[in-house]
């Protein structure tokens, strides 16, 4: 893929191709940046993947058995909180 496209030719390509080429060229020249992005991705995976298990348990599944019980509980909680 030839990424050395002139500005005139680049203007005729659709927006998604131009965005892709912008990031492709930017990441191709990075050295330290690739390592930093890797660290960011690992941190996000830890925050959203692992911490969710410990700090955000599935309350409704642990307290109620049927969908009807769950929906009634949520409905009553919404009504009580709105008062």
PDB file of N, CA and C in Angstrom:
ATOM      1  N   UNK A   1       0.841  -1.171   0.000  1.00  0.00           N
ATOM      2  CA  UNK A   1       0.000   0.000   0.000  1.00  0.00           C
ATOM      3  C   UNK A   1       0.885   1.232   0.000  1.00  0.00           C
ATOM      4  N   UNK A   2       0.693   2.088  -0.962  1.00  0.00           N
ATOM      5  CA  UNK A   2       1.502   3.291  -1.069  1.00  0.00           C
ATOM      6  C   UNK A   2       0.868   4.379  -0.223  1.00  0.00           C
ATOM      7  N   UNK A   3       1.532   4.736   0.850  1.00  0.00           N
ATOM      8  CA  UNK A   3       0.977   5.751   1.752  1.00  0.00           C
ATOM      9  C   UNK A   3       1.544   7.126   1.474  1.00  0.00           C
ATOM     10  N   UNK A   4       2.393   7.264   0.487  1.00  0.00           N
ATOM     11  CA  UNK A   4       2.942   8.567   0.115  1.00  0.00           C
ATOM     12  C   UNK A   4       2.049   9.214  -0.926  1.00  0.00           C
ATOM     13  N   UNK A   5       0.840   9.504  -0.544  1.00  0.00           N
ATOM     14  CA  UNK A   5      -0.147  10.076  -1.446  1.00  0.00           C
ATOM     15  C   UNK A   5      -0.084  11.587  -1.328  1.00  0.00           C
ATOM     16  N   UNK A   6      -0.111  12.253  -2.457  1.00  0.00           N
ATOM     17  CA  UNK A   6      -0.049  13.715  -2.436  1.00  0.00           C
ATOM     18  C   UNK A   6      -1.339  14.283  -1.859  1.00  0.00           C
ATOM     19  N   UNK A   7      -1.282  15.532  -1.474  1.00  0.00           N
ATOM     20  CA  UNK A   7      -2.446  16.176  -0.879  1.00  0.00           C
ATOM     21  C   UNK A   7      -3.594  16.234  -1.869  1.00  0.00           C
ATOM     22  N   UNK A   8      -3.285  16.473  -3.133  1.00  0.00           N
ATOM     23  CA  UNK A   8      -4.335  16.555  -4.146  1.00  0.00           C
ATOM     24  C   UNK A   8      -5.051  15.209  -4.297  1.00  0.00           C
ATOM     25  N   UNK A   9      -4.297  14.112  -4.373  1.00  0.00           N
ATOM     26  CA  UNK A   9      -4.906  12.785  -4.487  1.00  0.00           C
ATOM     27  C   UNK A   9      -5.612  12.397  -3.194  1.00  0.00           C
ATOM     28  N   UNK A  10      -5.040  12.776  -2.068  1.00  0.00           N
ATOM     29  CA  UNK A  10      -5.611  12.432  -0.771  1.00  0.00           C
ATOM     30  C   UNK A  10      -6.971  13.107  -0.575  1.00  0.00           C
ATOM     31  N   UNK A  11      -7.167  14.273  -1.154  1.00  0.00           N
ATOM     32  CA  UNK A  11      -8.429  14.988  -1.043  1.00  0.00           C
ATOM     33  C   UNK A  11      -9.570  14.261  -1.717  1.00  0.00           C
ATOM     34  N   UNK A  12      -9.281  13.418  -2.703  1.00  0.00           N
ATOM     35  CA  UNK A  12     -10.312  12.687  -3.426  1.00  0.00           C
ATOM     36  C   UNK A  12     -10.723  11.395  -2.728  1.00  0.00           C
ATOM     37  N   UNK A  13      -9.942  10.907  -1.796  1.00  0.00           N
ATOM     38  CA  UNK A  13     -10.269   9.666  -1.099  1.00  0.00           C
ATOM     39  C   UNK A  13     -11.356   9.945  -0.062  1.00  0.00           C
ATOM     40  N   UNK A  14     -12.076   8.885   0.294  1.00  0.00           N
ATOM     41  CA  UNK A  14     -13.146   9.115   1.269  1.00  0.00           C
ATOM     42  C   UNK A  14     -12.553   9.368   2.655  1.00  0.00           C
ATOM     43  N   UNK A  15     -13.373   9.829   3.550  1.00  0.00           N
ATOM     44  CA  UNK A  15     -12.921  10.277   4.864  1.00  0.00           C
ATOM     45  C   UNK A  15     -12.315   9.149   5.686  1.00  0.00           C
ATOM     46  N   UNK A  16     -12.872   7.938   5.579  1.00  0.00           N
ATOM     47  CA  UNK A  16     -12.357   6.821   6.367  1.00  0.00           C
ATOM     48  C   UNK A  16     -10.959   6.417   5.915  1.00  0.00           C
ATOM     49  N   UNK A  17     -10.721   6.466   4.606  1.00  0.00           N
ATOM     50  CA  UNK A  17      -9.387   6.152   4.090  1.00  0.00           C
ATOM     51  C   UNK A  17      -8.381   7.185   4.560  1.00  0.00           C
ATOM     52  N   UNK A  18      -8.764   8.448   4.535  1.00  0.00           N
ATOM     53  CA  UNK A  18      -7.849   9.506   4.982  1.00  0.00           C
ATOM     54  C   UNK A  18      -7.542   9.385   6.469  1.00  0.00           C
ATOM     55  N   UNK A  19      -8.556   9.054   7.277  1.00  0.00           N
ATOM     56  CA  UNK A  19      -8.333   8.879   8.717  1.00  0.00           C
ATOM     57  C   UNK A  19      -7.414   7.689   8.963  1.00  0.00           C
ATOM     58  N   UNK A  20      -7.677   6.575   8.253  1.00  0.00           N
ATOM     59  CA  UNK A  20      -6.827   5.409   8.407  1.00  0.00           C
ATOM     60  C   UNK A  20      -5.386   5.733   8.034  1.00  0.00           C
ATOM     61  N   UNK A  21      -5.175   6.404   6.919  1.00  0.00           N
ATOM     62  CA  UNK A  21      -3.817   6.742   6.476  1.00  0.00           C
ATOM     63  C   UNK A  21      -3.124   7.682   7.464  1.00  0.00           C
ATOM     64  N   UNK A  22      -3.879   8.596   8.042  1.00  0.00           N
ATOM     65  CA  UNK A  22      -3.324   9.512   9.032  1.00  0.00           C
ATOM     66  C   UNK A  22      -2.750   8.746  10.219  1.00  0.00           C
ATOM     67  N   UNK A  23      -3.543   7.830  10.772  1.00  0.00           N
ATOM     68  CA  UNK A  23      -3.073   7.054  11.916  1.00  0.00           C
ATOM     69  C   UNK A  23      -2.014   6.027  11.517  1.00  0.00           C
ATOM     70  N   UNK A  24      -2.140   5.436  10.345  1.00  0.00           N
ATOM     71  CA  UNK A  24      -1.162   4.462   9.871  1.00  0.00           C
ATOM     72  C   UNK A  24       0.223   5.092   9.756  1.00  0.00           C
ATOM     73  N   UNK A  25       0.277   6.260   9.154  1.00  0.00           N
ATOM     74  CA  UNK A  25       1.557   6.956   9.019  1.00  0.00           C
ATOM     75  C   UNK A  25       2.106   7.368  10.380  1.00  0.00           C
ATOM     76  N   UNK A  26       1.222   7.818  11.266  1.00  0.00           N
ATOM     77  CA  UNK A  26       1.661   8.243  12.592  1.00  0.00           C
ATOM     78  C   UNK A  26       2.235   7.101  13.411  1.00  0.00           C
ATOM     79  N   UNK A  27       1.572   5.957  13.392  1.00  0.00           N
ATOM     80  CA  UNK A  27       2.051   4.812  14.172  1.00  0.00           C
ATOM     81  C   UNK A  27       3.274   4.166  13.541  1.00  0.00           C
ATOM     82  N   UNK A  28       3.408   4.269  12.233  1.00  0.00           N
ATOM     83  CA  UNK A  28       4.541   3.639  11.559  1.00  0.00           C
ATOM     84  C   UNK A  28       5.861   4.276  11.997  1.00  0.00           C
ATOM     85  N   UNK A  29       5.854   5.549  12.250  1.00  0.00           N
ATOM     86  CA  UNK A  29       7.082   6.239  12.625  1.00  0.00           C
ATOM     87  C   UNK A  29       7.367   6.257  14.116  1.00  0.00           C
ATOM     88  N   UNK A  30       6.485   5.732  14.915  1.00  0.00           N
ATOM     89  CA  UNK A  30       6.660   5.783  16.367  1.00  0.00           C
ATOM     90  C   UNK A  30       7.632   4.720  16.865  1.00  0.00           C
ATOM     91  N   UNK A  31       8.348   5.059  17.924  1.00  0.00           N
ATOM     92  CA  UNK A  31       9.156   4.058  18.625  1.00  0.00           C
ATOM     93  C   UNK A  31       8.691   3.996  20.074  1.00  0.00           C
ATOM     94  N   UNK A  32       8.837   5.096  20.786  1.00  0.00           N
ATOM     95  CA  UNK A  32       8.405   5.157  22.177  1.00  0.00           C
ATOM     96  C   UNK A  32       6.877   5.132  22.279  1.00  0.00           C
ATOM     97  N   UNK A  33       6.207   5.724  21.316  1.00  0.00           N
ATOM     98  CA  UNK A  33       4.752   5.812  21.346  1.00  0.00           C
ATOM     99  C   UNK A  33       4.077   4.456  21.344  1.00  0.00           C
ATOM    100  N   UNK A  34       4.636   3.493  20.614  1.00  0.00           N
ATOM    101  CA  UNK A  34       4.048   2.156  20.582  1.00  0.00           C
ATOM    102  C   UNK A  34       4.074   1.516  21.965  1.00  0.00           C
ATOM    103  N   UNK A  35       5.164   1.717  22.670  1.00  0.00           N
ATOM    104  CA  UNK A  35       5.274   1.180  24.028  1.00  0.00           C
ATOM    105  C   UNK A  35       4.262   1.855  24.953  1.00  0.00           C
ATOM    106  N   UNK A  36       4.102   3.155  24.817  1.00  0.00           N
ATOM    107  CA  UNK A  36       3.149   3.874  25.658  1.00  0.00           C
ATOM    108  C   UNK A  36       1.718   3.434  25.373  1.00  0.00           C
ATOM    109  N   UNK A  37       1.376   3.228  24.099  1.00  0.00           N
ATOM    110  CA  UNK A  37       0.042   2.743  23.756  1.00  0.00           C
ATOM    111  C   UNK A  37      -0.194   1.353  24.319  1.00  0.00           C
ATOM    112  N   UNK A  38       0.819   0.513  24.291  1.00  0.00           N
ATOM    113  CA  UNK A  38       0.704  -0.822  24.863  1.00  0.00           C
ATOM    114  C   UNK A  38       0.417  -0.747  26.362  1.00  0.00           C
ATOM    115  N   UNK A  39       1.113   0.142  27.054  1.00  0.00           N
ATOM    116  CA  UNK A  39       0.885   0.328  28.490  1.00  0.00           C
ATOM    117  C   UNK A  39      -0.536   0.823  28.746  1.00  0.00           C
ATOM    118  N   UNK A  40      -1.018   1.753  27.927  1.00  0.00           N
ATOM    119  CA  UNK A  40      -2.376   2.281  28.084  1.00  0.00           C
ATOM    120  C   UNK A  40      -3.400   1.175  27.888  1.00  0.00           C
ATOM    121  N   UNK A  41      -3.224   0.345  26.865  1.00  0.00           N
ATOM    122  CA  UNK A  41      -4.172  -0.739  26.596  1.00  0.00           C
ATOM    123  C   UNK A  41      -4.184  -1.757  27.730  1.00  0.00           C
ATOM    124  N   UNK A  42      -3.006  -2.074  28.260  1.00  0.00           N
ATOM    125  CA  UNK A  42      -2.928  -3.017  29.383  1.00  0.00           C
ATOM    126  C   UNK A  42      -3.626  -2.442  30.613  1.00  0.00           C
ATOM    127  N   UNK A  43      -3.410  -1.165  30.895  1.00  0.00           N
ATOM    128  CA  UNK A  43      -4.057  -0.539  32.047  1.00  0.00           C
ATOM    129  C   UNK A  43      -5.575  -0.526  31.896  1.00  0.00           C
ATOM    130  N   UNK A  44      -6.073  -0.237  30.689  1.00  0.00           N
ATOM    131  CA  UNK A  44      -7.516  -0.238  30.462  1.00  0.00           C
ATOM    132  C   UNK A  44      -8.100  -1.634  30.630  1.00  0.00           C
ATOM    133  N   UNK A  45      -7.386  -2.640  30.146  1.00  0.00           N
ATOM    134  CA  UNK A  45      -7.855  -4.017  30.301  1.00  0.00           C
ATOM    135  C   UNK A  45      -7.939  -4.383  31.775  1.00  0.00           C
ATOM    136  N   UNK A  46      -6.971  -3.965  32.559  1.00  0.00           N
ATOM    137  CA  UNK A  46      -6.995  -4.238  33.999  1.00  0.00           C
ATOM    138  C   UNK A  46      -8.157  -3.505  34.658  1.00  0.00           C
ATOM    139  N   UNK A  47      -8.318  -2.224  34.338  1.00  0.00           N
ATOM    140  CA  UNK A  47      -9.378  -1.445  34.974  1.00  0.00           C
ATOM    141  C   UNK A  47     -10.760  -1.985  34.656  1.00  0.00           C
ATOM    142  N   UNK A  48     -11.029  -2.239  33.378  1.00  0.00           N
ATOM    143  CA  UNK A  48     -12.380  -2.626  32.998  1.00  0.00           C
ATOM    144  C   UNK A  48     -12.619  -4.128  33.084  1.00  0.00           C
ATOM    145  N   UNK A  49     -11.603  -4.919  32.962  1.00  0.00           N
ATOM    146  CA  UNK A  49     -11.783  -6.366  32.987  1.00  0.00           C
ATOM    147  C   UNK A  49     -11.690  -6.963  34.369  1.00  0.00           C
ATOM    148  N   UNK A  50     -10.609  -6.734  35.037  1.00  0.00           N
ATOM    149  CA  UNK A  50     -10.355  -7.387  36.314  1.00  0.00           C
ATOM    150  C   UNK A  50     -11.061  -6.683  37.473  1.00  0.00           C
ATOM    151  N   UNK A  51     -10.990  -5.368  37.524  1.00  0.00           N
ATOM    152  CA  UNK A  51     -11.611  -4.654  38.633  1.00  0.00           C
ATOM    153  C   UNK A  51     -13.131  -4.771  38.620  1.00  0.00           C
ATOM    154  N   UNK A  52     -13.730  -4.945  37.439  1.00  0.00           N
ATOM    155  CA  UNK A  52     -15.177  -5.107  37.355  1.00  0.00           C
ATOM    156  C   UNK A  52     -15.634  -6.326  38.143  1.00  0.00           C
ATOM    157  N   UNK A  53     -14.860  -7.367  38.093  1.00  0.00           N
ATOM    158  CA  UNK A  53     -15.224  -8.604  38.798  1.00  0.00           C
ATOM    159  C   UNK A  53     -15.308  -8.371  40.301  1.00  0.00           C
ATOM    160  N   UNK A  54     -14.378  -7.600  40.852  1.00  0.00           N
ATOM    161  CA  UNK A  54     -14.321  -7.411  42.300  1.00  0.00           C
ATOM    162  C   UNK A  54     -15.209  -6.291  42.816  1.00  0.00           C
ATOM    163  N   UNK A  55     -15.358  -5.205  42.056  1.00  0.00           N
ATOM    164  CA  UNK A  55     -16.066  -4.035  42.569  1.00  0.00           C
ATOM    165  C   UNK A  55     -17.479  -3.867  42.033  1.00  0.00           C
ATOM    166  N   UNK A  56     -17.843  -4.580  40.978  1.00  0.00           N
ATOM    167  CA  UNK A  56     -19.174  -4.437  40.406  1.00  0.00           C
ATOM    168  C   UNK A  56     -19.836  -5.805  40.247  1.00  0.00           C
ATOM    169  N   UNK A  57     -20.198  -6.440  41.352  1.00  0.00           N
ATOM    170  CA  UNK A  57     -20.846  -7.750  41.240  1.00  0.00           C
ATOM    171  C   UNK A  57     -22.240  -7.600  40.626  1.00  0.00           C
ATOM    172  N   UNK A  58     -22.737  -8.661  40.057  1.00  0.00           N
ATOM    173  CA  UNK A  58     -24.057  -8.644  39.445  1.00  0.00           C
ATOM    174  C   UNK A  58     -25.106  -8.849  40.542  1.00  0.00           C
ATOM    175  N   UNK A  59     -25.578  -7.741  41.081  1.00  0.00           N
ATOM    176  CA  UNK A  59     -26.484  -7.746  42.227  1.00  0.00           C
ATOM    177  C   UNK A  59     -27.800  -8.446  41.914  1.00  0.00           C
ATOM    178  N   UNK A  60     -28.395  -8.146  40.774  1.00  0.00           N
ATOM    179  CA  UNK A  60     -29.708  -8.709  40.461  1.00  0.00           C
ATOM    180  C   UNK A  60     -29.657 -10.223  40.313  1.00  0.00           C
ATOM    181  N   UNK A  61     -28.621 -10.748  39.673  1.00  0.00           N
ATOM    182  CA  UNK A  61     -28.526 -12.204  39.512  1.00  0.00           C
ATOM    183  C   UNK A  61     -28.297 -12.907  40.844  1.00  0.00           C
ATOM    184  N   UNK A  62     -27.630 -12.246  41.766  1.00  0.00           N
ATOM    185  CA  UNK A  62     -27.368 -12.885  43.052  1.00  0.00           C
ATOM    186  C   UNK A  62     -28.563 -12.803  44.001  1.00  0.00           C
ATOM    187  N   UNK A  63     -29.474 -11.857  43.788  1.00  0.00           N
ATOM    188  CA  UNK A  63     -30.597 -11.671  44.703  1.00  0.00           C
ATOM    189  C   UNK A  63     -31.920 -12.255  44.190  1.00  0.00           C
ATOM    190  N   UNK A  64     -32.088 -12.336  42.881  1.00  0.00           N
ATOM    191  CA  UNK A  64     -33.368 -12.745  42.315  1.00  0.00           C
ATOM    192  C   UNK A  64     -33.161 -13.870  41.308  1.00  0.00           C
ATOM    193  N   UNK A  65     -34.185 -14.722  41.191  1.00  0.00           N
ATOM    194  CA  UNK A  65     -34.086 -15.877  40.299  1.00  0.00           C
ATOM    195  C   UNK A  65     -34.727 -15.643  38.936  1.00  0.00           C
ATOM    196  N   UNK A  66     -35.858 -14.948  38.906  1.00  0.00           N
ATOM    197  CA  UNK A  66     -36.575 -14.800  37.642  1.00  0.00           C
ATOM    198  C   UNK A  66     -36.479 -13.365  37.123  1.00  0.00           C
ATOM    199  N   UNK A  67     -36.771 -13.229  35.838  1.00  0.00           N
ATOM    200  CA  UNK A  67     -36.765 -11.899  35.211  1.00  0.00           C
ATOM    201  C   UNK A  67     -37.874 -11.026  35.792  1.00  0.00           C
ATOM    202  N   UNK A  68     -38.988 -11.641  36.145  1.00  0.00           N
ATOM    203  CA  UNK A  68     -40.114 -10.883  36.713  1.00  0.00           C
ATOM    204  C   UNK A  68     -39.720 -10.266  38.055  1.00  0.00           C
ATOM    205  N   UNK A  69     -39.063 -11.022  38.916  1.00  0.00           N
ATOM    206  CA  UNK A  69     -38.612 -10.496  40.210  1.00  0.00           C
ATOM    207  C   UNK A  69     -37.620  -9.354  40.008  1.00  0.00           C
ATOM    208  N   UNK A  70     -36.721  -9.526  39.065  1.00  0.00           N
ATOM    209  CA  UNK A  70     -35.721  -8.482  38.790  1.00  0.00           C
ATOM    210  C   UNK A  70     -36.389  -7.202  38.308  1.00  0.00           C
ATOM    211  N   UNK A  71     -37.342  -7.340  37.380  1.00  0.00           N
ATOM    212  CA  UNK A  71     -37.993  -6.139  36.835  1.00  0.00           C
ATOM    213  C   UNK A  71     -38.852  -5.448  37.883  1.00  0.00           C
ATOM    214  N   UNK A  72     -39.514  -6.212  38.757  1.00  0.00           N
ATOM    215  CA  UNK A  72     -40.297  -5.600  39.825  1.00  0.00           C
ATOM    216  C   UNK A  72     -39.401  -4.838  40.795  1.00  0.00           C
ATOM    217  N   UNK A  73     -38.264  -5.413  41.131  1.00  0.00           N
ATOM    218  CA  UNK A  73     -37.334  -4.742  42.045  1.00  0.00           C
ATOM    219  C   UNK A  73     -36.823  -3.436  41.434  1.00  0.00           C
ATOM    220  N   UNK A  74     -36.425  -3.495  40.184  1.00  0.00           N
ATOM    221  CA  UNK A  74     -35.910  -2.290  39.522  1.00  0.00           C
ATOM    222  C   UNK A  74     -37.001  -1.233  39.433  1.00  0.00           C
ATOM    223  N   UNK A  75     -38.216  -1.651  39.105  1.00  0.00           N
ATOM    224  CA  UNK A  75     -39.329  -0.702  39.022  1.00  0.00           C
ATOM    225  C   UNK A  75     -39.602  -0.017  40.350  1.00  0.00           C
ATOM    226  N   UNK A  76     -39.642  -0.791  41.426  1.00  0.00           N
ATOM    227  CA  UNK A  76     -39.895  -0.187  42.740  1.00  0.00           C
ATOM    228  C   UNK A  76     -38.748   0.731  43.157  1.00  0.00           C
ATOM    229  N   UNK A  77     -37.526   0.357  42.850  1.00  0.00           N
ATOM    230  CA  UNK A  77     -36.385   1.213  43.193  1.00  0.00           C
ATOM    231  C   UNK A  77     -36.444   2.538  42.432  1.00  0.00           C
ATOM    232  N   UNK A  78     -36.811   2.488  41.157  1.00  0.00           N
ATOM    233  CA  UNK A  78     -36.921   3.716  40.380  1.00  0.00           C
ATOM    234  C   UNK A  78     -38.026   4.619  40.916  1.00  0.00           C
ATOM    235  N   UNK A  79     -39.137   4.022  41.295  1.00  0.00           N
ATOM    236  CA  UNK A  79     -40.251   4.820  41.829  1.00  0.00           C
ATOM    237  C   UNK A  79     -39.868   5.426  43.167  1.00  0.00           C
ATOM    238  N   UNK A  80     -39.238   4.652  44.050  1.00  0.00           N
ATOM    239  CA  UNK A  80     -38.840   5.170  45.367  1.00  0.00           C
ATOM    240  C   UNK A  80     -37.790   6.266  45.245  1.00  0.00           C
ATOM    241  N   UNK A  81     -36.840   6.134  44.329  1.00  0.00           N
ATOM    242  CA  UNK A  81     -35.799   7.145  44.170  1.00  0.00           C
ATOM    243  C   UNK A  81     -36.339   8.439  43.575  1.00  0.00           C
ATOM    244  N   UNK A  82     -37.416   8.355  42.807  1.00  0.00           N
ATOM    245  CA  UNK A  82     -37.953   9.560  42.178  1.00  0.00           C
ATOM    246  C   UNK A  82     -38.803  10.395  43.127  1.00  0.00           C
ATOM    247  N   UNK A  83     -39.181   9.823  44.266  1.00  0.00           N
ATOM    248  CA  UNK A  83     -40.022  10.570  45.226  1.00  0.00           C
ATOM    249  C   UNK A  83     -39.229  11.584  45.986  1.00  0.00           C
TER     250      UNK A  83
END
